[in-house]
PDB file of N, CA and C in Angstrom:
ATOM      1  N   MET A   1     -16.382 -55.940  86.179  1.00  0.00           N
ATOM      2  CA  MET A   1     -17.412 -56.031  87.203  1.00  0.00           C
ATOM      3  C   MET A   1     -18.007 -54.640  87.400  1.00  0.00           C
ATOM      4  N   ASN A   2     -19.331 -54.559  87.369  1.00  0.00           N
ATOM      5  CA  ASN A   2     -19.986 -53.264  87.535  1.00  0.00           C
ATOM      6  C   ASN A   2     -20.504 -53.095  88.965  1.00  0.00           C
ATOM      7  N   LYS A   3     -21.015 -51.897  89.245  1.00  0.00           N
ATOM      8  CA  LYS A   3     -21.435 -51.589  90.614  1.00  0.00           C
ATOM      9  C   LYS A   3     -22.587 -52.469  91.090  1.00  0.00           C
ATOM     10  N   ASP A   4     -23.472 -52.881  90.183  1.00  0.00           N
ATOM     11  CA  ASP A   4     -24.586 -53.737  90.592  1.00  0.00           C
ATOM     12  C   ASP A   4     -24.084 -55.112  91.015  1.00  0.00           C
ATOM     13  N   GLN A   5     -23.083 -55.615  90.328  1.00  0.00           N
ATOM     14  CA  GLN A   5     -22.517 -56.909  90.703  1.00  0.00           C
ATOM     15  C   GLN A   5     -21.864 -56.820  92.080  1.00  0.00           C
ATOM     16  N   VAL A   6     -21.098 -55.759  92.300  1.00  0.00           N
ATOM     17  CA  VAL A   6     -20.413 -55.579  93.587  1.00  0.00           C
ATOM     18  C   VAL A   6     -21.420 -55.415  94.711  1.00  0.00           C
ATOM     19  N   LYS A   7     -22.401 -54.536  94.512  1.00  0.00           N
ATOM     20  CA  LYS A   7     -23.415 -54.317  95.550  1.00  0.00           C
ATOM     21  C   LYS A   7     -24.181 -55.602  95.845  1.00  0.00           C
ATOM     22  N   GLY A   8     -24.445 -56.398  94.810  1.00  0.00           N
ATOM     23  CA  GLY A   8     -25.162 -57.651  95.002  1.00  0.00           C
ATOM     24  C   GLY A   8     -24.374 -58.647  95.828  1.00  0.00           C
ATOM     25  N   VAL A   9     -23.094 -58.760  95.534  1.00  0.00           N
ATOM     26  CA  VAL A   9     -22.241 -59.692  96.287  1.00  0.00           C
ATOM     27  C   VAL A   9     -22.140 -59.248  97.738  1.00  0.00           C
ATOM     28  N   VAL A  10     -21.968 -57.939  97.951  1.00  0.00           N
ATOM     29  CA  VAL A  10     -21.859 -57.415  99.322  1.00  0.00           C
ATOM     30  C   VAL A  10     -23.153 -57.677 100.089  1.00  0.00           C
ATOM     31  N   LYS A  11     -24.290 -57.435  99.447  1.00  0.00           N
ATOM     32  CA  LYS A  11     -25.588 -57.650 100.102  1.00  0.00           C
ATOM     33  C   LYS A  11     -25.797 -59.128 100.429  1.00  0.00           C
ATOM     34  N   ASP A  12     -25.363 -60.010  99.525  1.00  0.00           N
ATOM     35  CA  ASP A  12     -25.478 -61.452  99.746  1.00  0.00           C
ATOM     36  C   ASP A  12     -24.640 -61.874 100.950  1.00  0.00           C
ATOM     37  N   ILE A  13     -23.403 -61.401 101.001  1.00  0.00           N
ATOM     38  CA  ILE A  13     -22.516 -61.754 102.120  1.00  0.00           C
ATOM     39  C   ILE A  13     -23.062 -61.197 103.435  1.00  0.00           C
ATOM     40  N   ALA A  14     -23.527 -59.954 103.411  1.00  0.00           N
ATOM     41  CA  ALA A  14     -24.099 -59.355 104.625  1.00  0.00           C
ATOM     42  C   ALA A  14     -25.325 -60.142 105.084  1.00  0.00           C
ATOM     43  N   GLY A  15     -26.121 -60.614 104.133  1.00  0.00           N
ATOM     44  CA  GLY A  15     -27.280 -61.428 104.477  1.00  0.00           C
ATOM     45  C   GLY A  15     -26.894 -62.744 105.123  1.00  0.00           C
ATOM     46  N   LYS A  16     -25.812 -63.347 104.639  1.00  0.00           N
ATOM     47  CA  LYS A  16     -25.332 -64.599 105.241  1.00  0.00           C
ATOM     48  C   LYS A  16     -24.880 -64.367 106.673  1.00  0.00           C
ATOM     49  N   VAL A  17     -24.169 -63.263 106.889  1.00  0.00           N
ATOM     50  CA  VAL A  17     -23.721 -62.926 108.247  1.00  0.00           C
ATOM     51  C   VAL A  17     -24.925 -62.684 109.145  1.00  0.00           C
ATOM     52  N   GLN A  18     -25.898 -61.935 108.634  1.00  0.00           N
ATOM     53  CA  GLN A  18     -27.109 -61.624 109.404  1.00  0.00           C
ATOM     54  C   GLN A  18     -27.874 -62.902 109.748  1.00  0.00           C
ATOM     55  N   GLU A  19     -27.978 -63.811 108.789  1.00  0.00           N
ATOM     56  CA  GLU A  19     -28.672 -65.073 109.041  1.00  0.00           C
ATOM     57  C   GLU A  19     -27.964 -65.876 110.134  1.00  0.00           C
ATOM     58  N   GLN A  20     -26.646 -65.966 110.028  1.00  0.00           N
ATOM     59  CA  GLN A  20     -25.890 -66.729 111.026  1.00  0.00           C
ATOM     60  C   GLN A  20     -25.979 -66.085 112.410  1.00  0.00           C
ATOM     61  N   ALA A  21     -25.963 -64.762 112.452  1.00  0.00           N
ATOM     62  CA  ALA A  21     -26.113 -64.070 113.739  1.00  0.00           C
ATOM     63  C   ALA A  21     -27.478 -64.375 114.343  1.00  0.00           C
ATOM     64  N   GLY A  22     -28.498 -64.403 113.507  1.00  0.00           N
ATOM     65  CA  GLY A  22     -29.836 -64.750 113.982  1.00  0.00           C
ATOM     66  C   GLY A  22     -29.900 -66.160 114.523  1.00  0.00           C
ATOM     67  N   LYS A  23     -29.222 -67.083 113.835  1.00  0.00           N
ATOM     68  CA  LYS A  23     -29.183 -68.472 114.322  1.00  0.00           C
ATOM     69  C   LYS A  23     -28.465 -68.543 115.661  1.00  0.00           C
ATOM     70  N   LEU A  24     -27.381 -67.802 115.769  1.00  0.00           N
ATOM     71  CA  LEU A  24     -26.561 -67.835 116.979  1.00  0.00           C
ATOM     72  C   LEU A  24     -27.349 -67.384 118.202  1.00  0.00           C
ATOM     73  N   VAL A  25     -28.143 -66.326 118.042  1.00  0.00           N
ATOM     74  CA  VAL A  25     -28.893 -65.801 119.183  1.00  0.00           C
ATOM     75  C   VAL A  25     -30.322 -66.336 119.231  1.00  0.00           C
ATOM     76  N   GLY A  26     -30.697 -67.167 118.271  1.00  0.00           N
ATOM     77  CA  GLY A  26     -32.033 -67.757 118.270  1.00  0.00           C
ATOM     78  C   GLY A  26     -33.127 -66.795 117.834  1.00  0.00           C
ATOM     79  N   ASN A  27     -32.791 -65.855 116.963  1.00  0.00           N
ATOM     80  CA  ASN A  27     -33.748 -64.853 116.515  1.00  0.00           C
ATOM     81  C   ASN A  27     -34.203 -65.190 115.092  1.00  0.00           C
ATOM     82  N   LYS A  28     -35.397 -65.745 114.985  1.00  0.00           N
ATOM     83  CA  LYS A  28     -35.934 -66.176 113.682  1.00  0.00           C
ATOM     84  C   LYS A  28     -36.148 -64.990 112.735  1.00  0.00           C
ATOM     85  N   GLU A  29     -36.558 -63.849 113.282  1.00  0.00           N
ATOM     86  CA  GLU A  29     -36.780 -62.669 112.444  1.00  0.00           C
ATOM     87  C   GLU A  29     -35.467 -62.222 111.795  1.00  0.00           C
ATOM     88  N   GLN A  30     -34.399 -62.236 112.553  1.00  0.00           N
ATOM     89  CA  GLN A  30     -33.081 -61.852 112.031  1.00  0.00           C
ATOM     90  C   GLN A  30     -32.637 -62.836 110.952  1.00  0.00           C
ATOM     91  N   GLN A  31     -32.886 -64.109 111.173  1.00  0.00           N
ATOM     92  CA  GLN A  31     -32.550 -65.127 110.173  1.00  0.00           C
ATOM     93  C   GLN A  31     -33.322 -64.866 108.879  1.00  0.00           C
ATOM     94  N   ALA A  32     -34.597 -64.575 108.999  1.00  0.00           N
ATOM     95  CA  ALA A  32     -35.432 -64.332 107.819  1.00  0.00           C
ATOM     96  C   ALA A  32     -34.970 -63.091 107.061  1.00  0.00           C
ATOM     97  N   LYS A  33     -34.623 -62.043 107.790  1.00  0.00           N
ATOM     98  CA  LYS A  33     -34.111 -60.834 107.140  1.00  0.00           C
ATOM     99  C   LYS A  33     -32.811 -61.141 106.395  1.00  0.00           C
ATOM    100  N   GLY A  34     -31.963 -61.958 107.015  1.00  0.00           N
ATOM    101  CA  GLY A  34     -30.712 -62.343 106.373  1.00  0.00           C
ATOM    102  C   GLY A  34     -30.949 -63.112 105.088  1.00  0.00           C
ATOM    103  N   LEU A  35     -31.894 -64.028 105.127  1.00  0.00           N
ATOM    104  CA  LEU A  35     -32.230 -64.785 103.913  1.00  0.00           C
ATOM    105  C   LEU A  35     -32.784 -63.866 102.835  1.00  0.00           C
ATOM    106  N   GLY A  36     -33.605 -62.913 103.244  1.00  0.00           N
ATOM    107  CA  GLY A  36     -34.155 -61.947 102.291  1.00  0.00           C
ATOM    108  C   GLY A  36     -33.060 -61.112 101.646  1.00  0.00           C
ATOM    109  N   ASN A  37     -32.094 -60.699 102.443  1.00  0.00           N
ATOM    110  CA  ASN A  37     -30.977 -59.924 101.901  1.00  0.00           C
ATOM    111  C   ASN A  37     -30.135 -60.754 100.944  1.00  0.00           C
ATOM    112  N   GLN A  38     -30.003 -62.037 101.233  1.00  0.00           N
ATOM    113  CA  GLN A  38     -29.260 -62.915 100.323  1.00  0.00           C
ATOM    114  C   GLN A  38     -29.956 -63.006  98.971  1.00  0.00           C
ATOM    115  N   VAL A  39     -31.267 -63.171  99.004  1.00  0.00           N
ATOM    116  CA  VAL A  39     -32.037 -63.252  97.755  1.00  0.00           C
ATOM    117  C   VAL A  39     -31.922 -61.937  96.984  1.00  0.00           C
ATOM    118  N   ALA A  40     -32.060 -60.823  97.684  1.00  0.00           N
ATOM    119  CA  ALA A  40     -31.950 -59.512  97.034  1.00  0.00           C
ATOM    120  C   ALA A  40     -30.555 -59.323  96.449  1.00  0.00           C
ATOM    121  N   GLY A  41     -29.549 -59.753  97.177  1.00  0.00           N
ATOM    122  CA  GLY A  41     -28.175 -59.631  96.693  1.00  0.00           C
ATOM    123  C   GLY A  41     -27.924 -60.462  95.448  1.00  0.00           C
ATOM    124  N   LYS A  42     -28.443 -61.674  95.453  1.00  0.00           N
ATOM    125  CA  LYS A  42     -28.283 -62.537  94.277  1.00  0.00           C
ATOM    126  C   LYS A  42     -29.005 -61.947  93.063  1.00  0.00           C
ATOM    127  N   ALA A  43     -30.175 -61.370  93.291  1.00  0.00           N
ATOM    128  CA  ALA A  43     -30.931 -60.748  92.199  1.00  0.00           C
ATOM    129  C   ALA A  43     -30.184 -59.537  91.650  1.00  0.00           C
ATOM    130  N   GLU A  44     -29.633 -58.729  92.542  1.00  0.00           N
ATOM    131  CA  GLU A  44     -28.893 -57.548  92.097  1.00  0.00           C
ATOM    132  C   GLU A  44     -27.643 -57.947  91.323  1.00  0.00           C
ATOM    133  N   LYS A  45     -26.971 -58.998  91.764  1.00  0.00           N
ATOM    134  CA  LYS A  45     -25.795 -59.480  91.049  1.00  0.00           C
ATOM    135  C   LYS A  45     -26.192 -60.010  89.672  1.00  0.00           C
ATOM    136  N   ALA A  46     -27.298 -60.733  89.601  1.00  0.00           N
ATOM    137  CA  ALA A  46     -27.762 -61.254  88.314  1.00  0.00           C
ATOM    138  C   ALA A  46     -28.094 -60.111  87.357  1.00  0.00           C
ATOM    139  N   TYR A  47     -28.687 -59.042  87.875  1.00  0.00           N
ATOM    140  CA  TYR A  47     -28.970 -57.863  87.071  1.00  0.00           C
ATOM    141  C   TYR A  47     -27.660 -57.265  86.536  1.00  0.00           C
ATOM    142  N   GLY A  48     -26.672 -57.163  87.414  1.00  0.00           N
ATOM    143  CA  GLY A  48     -25.371 -56.652  87.000  1.00  0.00           C
ATOM    144  C   GLY A  48     -24.713 -57.549  85.967  1.00  0.00           C
ATOM    145  N   ASP A  49     -24.845 -58.859  86.144  1.00  0.00           N
ATOM    146  CA  ASP A  49     -24.303 -59.813  85.171  1.00  0.00           C
ATOM    147  C   ASP A  49     -24.945 -59.600  83.805  1.00  0.00           C
ATOM    148  N   ALA A  50     -26.263 -59.414  83.800  1.00  0.00           N
ATOM    149  CA  ALA A  50     -26.984 -59.209  82.540  1.00  0.00           C
ATOM    150  C   ALA A  50     -26.519 -57.924  81.864  1.00  0.00           C
ATOM    151  N   LYS A  51     -26.315 -56.868  82.654  1.00  0.00           N
ATOM    152  CA  LYS A  51     -25.823 -55.617  82.088  1.00  0.00           C
ATOM    153  C   LYS A  51     -24.453 -55.808  81.439  1.00  0.00           C
ATOM    154  N   GLU A  52     -23.590 -56.595  82.077  1.00  0.00           N
ATOM    155  CA  GLU A  52     -22.257 -56.863  81.525  1.00  0.00           C
ATOM    156  C   GLU A  52     -22.354 -57.622  80.209  1.00  0.00           C
ATOM    157  N   VAL A  53     -23.240 -58.613  80.158  1.00  0.00           N
ATOM    158  CA  VAL A  53     -23.409 -59.400  78.933  1.00  0.00           C
ATOM    159  C   VAL A  53     -23.869 -58.501  77.796  1.00  0.00           C
ATOM    160  N   ILE A  54     -24.829 -57.636  78.091  1.00  0.00           N
ATOM    161  CA  ILE A  54     -25.342 -56.726  77.059  1.00  0.00           C
ATOM    162  C   ILE A  54     -24.249 -55.757  76.611  1.00  0.00           C
ATOM    163  N   LYS A  55     -23.516 -55.222  77.587  1.00  0.00           N
ATOM    164  CA  LYS A  55     -22.434 -54.277  77.253  1.00  0.00           C
ATOM    165  C   LYS A  55     -21.393 -54.946  76.369  1.00  0.00           C
ATOM    166  N   ASP A  56     -21.015 -56.183  76.708  1.00  0.00           N
ATOM    167  CA  ASP A  56     -20.042 -56.917  75.905  1.00  0.00           C
ATOM    168  C   ASP A  56     -20.581 -57.230  74.519  1.00  0.00           C
ATOM    169  N   ALA A  57     -21.855 -57.566  74.435  1.00  0.00           N
ATOM    170  CA  ALA A  57     -22.458 -57.891  73.129  1.00  0.00           C
ATOM    171  C   ALA A  57     -22.484 -56.661  72.229  1.00  0.00           C
ATOM    172  N   VAL A  58     -22.774 -55.503  72.810  1.00  0.00           N
ATOM    173  CA  VAL A  58     -22.828 -54.280  72.035  1.00  0.00           C
ATOM    174  C   VAL A  58     -21.432 -53.913  71.524  1.00  0.00           C
ATOM    175  N   LYS A  59     -20.418 -54.166  72.328  1.00  0.00           N
ATOM    176  CA  LYS A  59     -19.038 -53.877  71.914  1.00  0.00           C
ATOM    177  C   LYS A  59     -18.624 -54.701  70.695  1.00  0.00           C
ATOM    178  N   HIS A  60     -19.129 -55.918  70.615  1.00  0.00           N
ATOM    179  CA  HIS A  60     -18.714 -56.841  69.564  1.00  0.00           C
ATOM    180  C   HIS A  60     -19.595 -56.785  68.328  1.00  0.00           C
ATOM    181  N   VAL A  61     -20.508 -55.839  68.283  1.00  0.00           N
ATOM    182  CA  VAL A  61     -21.402 -55.737  67.116  1.00  0.00           C
ATOM    183  C   VAL A  61     -20.807 -54.806  66.096  1.00  0.00           C
TER     184      VAL A  61
END
């Protein structure tokens, strides 16, 4: 697991917490920010996943 994968997972989880906190207090802006962070986290993790695939492919060449 590389740093991009870890940072992506952390950002996704933080976004979920932020979204739920927004729901709890009725703050739509907070919910939207949380959803945005989840999307960003998933994208960062996918980038990290791609880097791992490439690194593994290069090792096996």
